[in-house]
Amino acid sequence: MIIRHCICGNEFSVAARYKNYILPEFPVIGSTKCLIDYIRAQPYKASTPRTIVSSFLSPPHIYYEPLQKWFRSVFEGVFAQWLNWHKIAYRYEELTLSIHGREYTPDFYLPHNGLFIELKGLWSGGAKAKTIATKAAGTNLLLLPYYFDHYCRQDLYQGEDSEIFKCRL
């Protein structure tokens, strides 16, 4: 286990296998409560960012029964369900950004505050460099590593009574 500091200032532990997914360019979120606080603290943005339409994305291939929608991973389905549960509006893989001539399609876009969210299970190809470049270009982008899947599931099934709802060691 490794110890990290959440944006709230509290420490939390995460399995060592996830250390490569916590990048210094991004805020570290250690609980679902801190994620909700982070989302709500983002300023309101009335306009959608400039985007392009991409034809390169393959269609999602995991059918997530609770939402009756297709996603690229079960983690994305669980996260979408978690957003719905907290009444947070989102768009799933609908916006593709052009960053320095390269296309990047974050997993989720929260239209109320212009926040993009990328969920990461594995880094493939140039995904890490592209994600870092997107953040460096000024995109309001949050990276949530795979350990957050467990947090969302606990929150969905146990609610605010769950220990996972708060940062802790």
C-alpha atoms as a PDB file:
ATOM      1  CA  MET A   1       0.000   0.000   0.000  1.00  0.00           C
ATOM      2  CA  ILE A   2       1.092   3.547  -0.635  1.00  0.00           C
ATOM      3  CA  ILE A   3      -0.130   6.682   1.127  1.00  0.00           C
ATOM      4  CA  ARG A   4      -1.384   9.642  -0.911  1.00  0.00           C
ATOM      5  CA  HIS A   5      -2.802  13.020   0.046  1.00  0.00           C
ATOM      6  CA  CYS A   6      -6.286  13.815  -1.178  1.00  0.00           C
ATOM      7  CA  ILE A   7      -7.282  17.295  -2.328  1.00  0.00           C
ATOM      8  CA  CYS A   8      -9.110  17.645   1.021  1.00  0.00           C
ATOM      9  CA  GLY A   9      -5.759  17.324   2.828  1.00  0.00           C
ATOM     10  CA  ASN A  10      -6.441  13.914   4.368  1.00  0.00           C
ATOM     11  CA  GLU A  11      -4.302  10.890   3.693  1.00  0.00           C
ATOM     12  CA  PHE A  12      -5.620   7.722   2.113  1.00  0.00           C
ATOM     13  CA  SER A  13      -4.043   4.442   1.146  1.00  0.00           C
ATOM     14  CA  VAL A  14      -4.113   2.840  -2.264  1.00  0.00           C
ATOM     15  CA  ALA A  15      -2.691  -0.430  -3.533  1.00  0.00           C
ATOM     16  CA  ALA A  16       0.850  -0.029  -4.849  1.00  0.00           C
ATOM     17  CA  ARG A  17      -0.217  -1.394  -8.244  1.00  0.00           C
ATOM     18  CA  TYR A  18      -2.072   1.909  -8.871  1.00  0.00           C
ATOM     19  CA  LYS A  19       0.901   4.220  -8.231  1.00  0.00           C
ATOM     20  CA  ASN A  20       1.522   4.751 -11.959  1.00  0.00           C
ATOM     21  CA  TYR A  21      -2.025   6.019 -12.403  1.00  0.00           C
ATOM     22  CA  ILE A  22      -1.701   8.883  -9.941  1.00  0.00           C
ATOM     23  CA  LEU A  23       0.024  11.547 -12.018  1.00  0.00           C
ATOM     24  CA  PRO A  24       1.408  14.778 -10.554  1.00  0.00           C
ATOM     25  CA  GLU A  25      -0.376  16.841 -13.227  1.00  0.00           C
ATOM     26  CA  PHE A  26      -3.780  15.906 -11.806  1.00  0.00           C
ATOM     27  CA  PRO A  27      -5.549  16.432  -8.472  1.00  0.00           C
ATOM     28  CA  VAL A  28      -5.642  13.300  -6.317  1.00  0.00           C
ATOM     29  CA  ILE A  29      -9.104  12.300  -5.149  1.00  0.00           C
ATOM     30  CA  GLY A  30      -9.289   9.868  -2.228  1.00  0.00           C
ATOM     31  CA  SER A  31     -13.025   9.419  -1.703  1.00  0.00           C
ATOM     32  CA  THR A  32     -16.367   9.798  -3.413  1.00  0.00           C
ATOM     33  CA  LYS A  33     -17.251  12.662  -1.052  1.00  0.00           C
ATOM     34  CA  CYS A  34     -14.124  14.542  -2.132  1.00  0.00           C
ATOM     35  CA  LEU A  35     -15.020  13.897  -5.781  1.00  0.00           C
ATOM     36  CA  ILE A  36     -18.507  15.346  -5.256  1.00  0.00           C
ATOM     37  CA  ASP A  37     -16.986  18.370  -3.497  1.00  0.00           C
ATOM     38  CA  TYR A  38     -14.455  18.783  -6.345  1.00  0.00           C
ATOM     39  CA  ILE A  39     -17.174  18.602  -9.017  1.00  0.00           C
ATOM     40  CA  ARG A  40     -19.398  21.083  -7.178  1.00  0.00           C
ATOM     41  CA  ALA A  41     -16.486  23.492  -6.648  1.00  0.00           C
ATOM     42  CA  GLN A  42     -15.837  23.797 -10.389  1.00  0.00           C
ATOM     43  CA  PRO A  43     -17.140  27.095 -11.765  1.00  0.00           C
ATOM     44  CA  TYR A  44     -20.258  27.093 -13.927  1.00  0.00           C
ATOM     45  CA  LYS A  45     -19.518  27.128 -17.650  1.00  0.00           C
ATOM     46  CA  ALA A  46     -22.358  27.979 -19.986  1.00  0.00           C
ATOM     47  CA  SER A  47     -20.701  26.935 -23.217  1.00  0.00           C
ATOM     48  CA  THR A  48     -19.470  23.635 -24.599  1.00  0.00           C
ATOM     49  CA  PRO A  49     -15.761  23.588 -25.476  1.00  0.00           C
ATOM     50  CA  ARG A  50     -14.661  23.624 -29.086  1.00  0.00           C
ATOM     51  CA  THR A  51     -14.659  20.056 -30.281  1.00  0.00           C
ATOM     52  CA  ILE A  52     -14.403  18.007 -33.430  1.00  0.00           C
ATOM     53  CA  VAL A  53     -16.291  14.931 -34.523  1.00  0.00           C
ATOM     54  CA  SER A  54     -14.151  11.838 -34.621  1.00  0.00           C
ATOM     55  CA  SER A  55     -14.733   8.815 -36.788  1.00  0.00           C
ATOM     56  CA  PHE A  56     -11.871   6.848 -35.230  1.00  0.00           C
ATOM     57  CA  LEU A  57     -13.615   5.605 -32.091  1.00  0.00           C
ATOM     58  CA  SER A  58     -14.717   2.028 -32.152  1.00  0.00           C
ATOM     59  CA  PRO A  59     -18.169   1.462 -30.665  1.00  0.00           C
ATOM     60  CA  PRO A  60     -18.426   0.622 -26.968  1.00  0.00           C
ATOM     61  CA  HIS A  61     -18.654  -3.128 -26.479  1.00  0.00           C
ATOM     62  CA  ILE A  62     -19.696  -3.727 -22.831  1.00  0.00           C
ATOM     63  CA  TYR A  63     -23.417  -3.689 -22.159  1.00  0.00           C
ATOM     64  CA  TYR A  64     -24.001  -2.375 -18.634  1.00  0.00           C
ATOM     65  CA  GLU A  65     -27.359  -3.791 -17.577  1.00  0.00           C
ATOM     66  CA  PRO A  66     -28.224  -1.377 -14.692  1.00  0.00           C
ATOM     67  CA  LEU A  67     -28.249   1.570 -17.132  1.00  0.00           C
ATOM     68  CA  GLN A  68     -29.107  -0.421 -20.268  1.00  0.00           C
ATOM     69  CA  LYS A  69     -26.303   1.341 -22.153  1.00  0.00           C
ATOM     70  CA  TRP A  70     -23.061   0.391 -23.863  1.00  0.00           C
ATOM     71  CA  PHE A  71     -19.678   1.395 -22.418  1.00  0.00           C
ATOM     72  CA  ARG A  72     -16.031   0.550 -23.058  1.00  0.00           C
ATOM     73  CA  SER A  73     -15.601  -0.900 -19.566  1.00  0.00           C
ATOM     74  CA  VAL A  74     -17.617  -1.945 -16.547  1.00  0.00           C
ATOM     75  CA  PHE A  75     -15.788   0.805 -14.601  1.00  0.00           C
ATOM     76  CA  GLU A  76     -17.300   3.390 -16.975  1.00  0.00           C
ATOM     77  CA  GLY A  77     -20.759   1.870 -16.495  1.00  0.00           C
ATOM     78  CA  VAL A  78     -20.419   1.912 -12.714  1.00  0.00           C
ATOM     79  CA  PHE A  79     -19.179   5.506 -12.819  1.00  0.00           C
ATOM     80  CA  ALA A  80     -22.114   6.574 -15.040  1.00  0.00           C
ATOM     81  CA  GLN A  81     -24.497   4.905 -12.592  1.00  0.00           C
ATOM     82  CA  TRP A  82     -22.732   6.720  -9.733  1.00  0.00           C
ATOM     83  CA  LEU A  83     -23.133  10.077 -11.557  1.00  0.00           C
ATOM     84  CA  ASN A  84     -26.829   9.356 -12.110  1.00  0.00           C
ATOM     85  CA  TRP A  85     -27.274   8.439  -8.455  1.00  0.00           C
ATOM     86  CA  HIS A  86     -25.795  11.801  -7.436  1.00  0.00           C
ATOM     87  CA  LYS A  87     -27.901  13.602 -10.077  1.00  0.00           C
ATOM     88  CA  ILE A  88     -24.835  14.832 -11.954  1.00  0.00           C
ATOM     89  CA  ALA A  89     -25.524  15.351 -15.658  1.00  0.00           C
ATOM     90  CA  TYR A  90     -22.919  13.915 -18.012  1.00  0.00           C
ATOM     91  CA  ARG A  91     -22.181  13.121 -21.625  1.00  0.00           C
ATOM     92  CA  TYR A  92     -20.350   9.891 -22.388  1.00  0.00           C
ATOM     93  CA  GLU A  93     -17.656   9.968 -25.099  1.00  0.00           C
ATOM     94  CA  GLU A  94     -19.558  12.558 -27.110  1.00  0.00           C
ATOM     95  CA  LEU A  95     -16.850  15.196 -27.333  1.00  0.00           C
ATOM     96  CA  THR A  96     -13.505  14.799 -29.057  1.00  0.00           C
ATOM     97  CA  LEU A  97     -10.887  17.468 -28.455  1.00  0.00           C
ATOM     98  CA  SER A  98      -8.116  18.458 -30.824  1.00  0.00           C
ATOM     99  CA  ILE A  99      -4.936  18.997 -28.811  1.00  0.00           C
ATOM    100  CA  HIS A 100      -1.832  19.962 -30.788  1.00  0.00           C
ATOM    101  CA  GLY A 101      -3.222  18.214 -33.866  1.00  0.00           C
ATOM    102  CA  ARG A 102      -4.051  14.987 -32.015  1.00  0.00           C
ATOM    103  CA  GLU A 103      -7.543  13.810 -31.193  1.00  0.00           C
ATOM    104  CA  TYR A 104      -8.500  12.978 -27.624  1.00  0.00           C
ATOM    105  CA  THR A 105     -11.911  11.754 -26.448  1.00  0.00           C
ATOM    106  CA  PRO A 106     -12.280  11.855 -22.657  1.00  0.00           C
ATOM    107  CA  ASP A 107     -14.705   9.359 -21.164  1.00  0.00           C
ATOM    108  CA  PHE A 108     -17.088  11.819 -19.519  1.00  0.00           C
ATOM    109  CA  TYR A 109     -17.976  15.467 -19.887  1.00  0.00           C
ATOM    110  CA  LEU A 110     -19.970  17.283 -17.193  1.00  0.00           C
ATOM    111  CA  PRO A 111     -21.707  20.081 -19.133  1.00  0.00           C
ATOM    112  CA  HIS A 112     -22.732  22.107 -16.084  1.00  0.00           C
ATOM    113  CA  ASN A 113     -19.149  23.020 -15.226  1.00  0.00           C
ATOM    114  CA  GLY A 114     -17.100  22.029 -18.262  1.00  0.00           C
ATOM    115  CA  LEU A 115     -15.218  19.254 -16.465  1.00  0.00           C
ATOM    116  CA  PHE A 116     -13.871  16.311 -18.441  1.00  0.00           C
ATOM    117  CA  ILE A 117     -13.241  13.060 -16.569  1.00  0.00           C
ATOM    118  CA  GLU A 118     -10.962  10.289 -17.790  1.00  0.00           C
ATOM    119  CA  LEU A 119     -11.206   6.884 -16.115  1.00  0.00           C
ATOM    120  CA  LYS A 120      -8.040   4.820 -16.360  1.00  0.00           C
ATOM    121  CA  GLY A 121      -7.578   1.111 -15.905  1.00  0.00           C
ATOM    122  CA  LEU A 122      -4.531   0.539 -18.103  1.00  0.00           C
ATOM    123  CA  TRP A 123      -2.308   2.896 -20.055  1.00  0.00           C
ATOM    124  CA  SER A 124      -2.055   1.747 -23.659  1.00  0.00           C
ATOM    125  CA  GLY A 125       0.022   3.150 -26.484  1.00  0.00           C
ATOM    126  CA  GLY A 126       0.450   6.904 -26.151  1.00  0.00           C
ATOM    127  CA  ALA A 127      -2.583   7.361 -23.894  1.00  0.00           C
ATOM    128  CA  LYS A 128      -0.595   8.652 -20.906  1.00  0.00           C
ATOM    129  CA  ALA A 129       1.251  11.282 -22.956  1.00  0.00           C
ATOM    130  CA  LYS A 130      -1.974  12.345 -24.678  1.00  0.00           C
ATOM    131  CA  THR A 131      -3.780  12.682 -21.335  1.00  0.00           C
ATOM    132  CA  ILE A 132      -0.956  14.773 -19.848  1.00  0.00           C
ATOM    133  CA  ALA A 133      -0.786  16.973 -22.985  1.00  0.00           C
ATOM    134  CA  THR A 134      -4.545  17.561 -22.817  1.00  0.00           C
ATOM    135  CA  LYS A 135      -4.277  18.732 -19.212  1.00  0.00           C
ATOM    136  CA  ALA A 136      -1.225  20.874 -20.030  1.00  0.00           C
ATOM    137  CA  ALA A 137      -3.190  22.572 -22.836  1.00  0.00           C
ATOM    138  CA  GLY A 138      -5.551  23.973 -20.208  1.00  0.00           C
ATOM    139  CA  THR A 139      -8.388  21.463 -20.473  1.00  0.00           C
ATOM    140  CA  ASN A 140     -10.385  21.091 -17.266  1.00  0.00           C
ATOM    141  CA  LEU A 141      -9.603  17.361 -17.012  1.00  0.00           C
ATOM    142  CA  LEU A 142      -9.732  15.047 -14.007  1.00  0.00           C
ATOM    143  CA  LEU A 143      -8.103  11.615 -14.011  1.00  0.00           C
ATOM    144  CA  LEU A 144      -9.688   8.865 -11.909  1.00  0.00           C
ATOM    145  CA  PRO A 145      -7.592   5.683 -11.593  1.00  0.00           C
ATOM    146  CA  TYR A 146      -9.152   2.240 -11.492  1.00  0.00           C
ATOM    147  CA  TYR A 147      -9.186   2.102  -7.668  1.00  0.00           C
ATOM    148  CA  PHE A 148     -12.088   4.554  -7.898  1.00  0.00           C
ATOM    149  CA  ASP A 149     -14.291   1.802  -9.337  1.00  0.00           C
ATOM    150  CA  HIS A 150     -14.360   0.209  -5.877  1.00  0.00           C
ATOM    151  CA  TYR A 151     -15.164   3.555  -4.254  1.00  0.00           C
ATOM    152  CA  CYS A 152     -18.134   4.140  -6.581  1.00  0.00           C
ATOM    153  CA  ARG A 153     -19.474   0.618  -6.039  1.00  0.00           C
ATOM    154  CA  GLN A 154     -19.264   0.977  -2.253  1.00  0.00           C
ATOM    155  CA  ASP A 155     -20.955   4.371  -2.431  1.00  0.00           C
ATOM    156  CA  LEU A 156     -23.763   3.017  -4.634  1.00  0.00           C
ATOM    157  CA  TYR A 157     -24.412   0.012  -2.430  1.00  0.00           C
ATOM    158  CA  GLN A 158     -23.835   1.490   1.026  1.00  0.00           C
ATOM    159  CA  GLY A 159     -24.278   5.245   0.599  1.00  0.00           C
ATOM    160  CA  GLU A 160     -22.860   7.833   2.945  1.00  0.00           C
ATOM    161  CA  ASP A 161     -22.709   5.305   5.783  1.00  0.00           C
ATOM    162  CA  SER A 162     -19.898   3.553   3.938  1.00  0.00           C
ATOM    163  CA  GLU A 163     -16.363   4.071   5.201  1.00  0.00           C
ATOM    164  CA  ILE A 164     -15.282   4.453   1.574  1.00  0.00           C
ATOM    165  CA  PHE A 165     -17.328   7.665   1.366  1.00  0.00           C
ATOM    166  CA  LYS A 166     -14.668   9.472   3.407  1.00  0.00           C
ATOM    167  CA  CYS A 167     -10.898   9.723   3.034  1.00  0.00           C
ATOM    168  CA  ARG A 168      -9.231   7.365   5.453  1.00  0.00           C
ATOM    169  CA  LEU A 169      -6.201   5.177   5.989  1.00  0.00           C
END
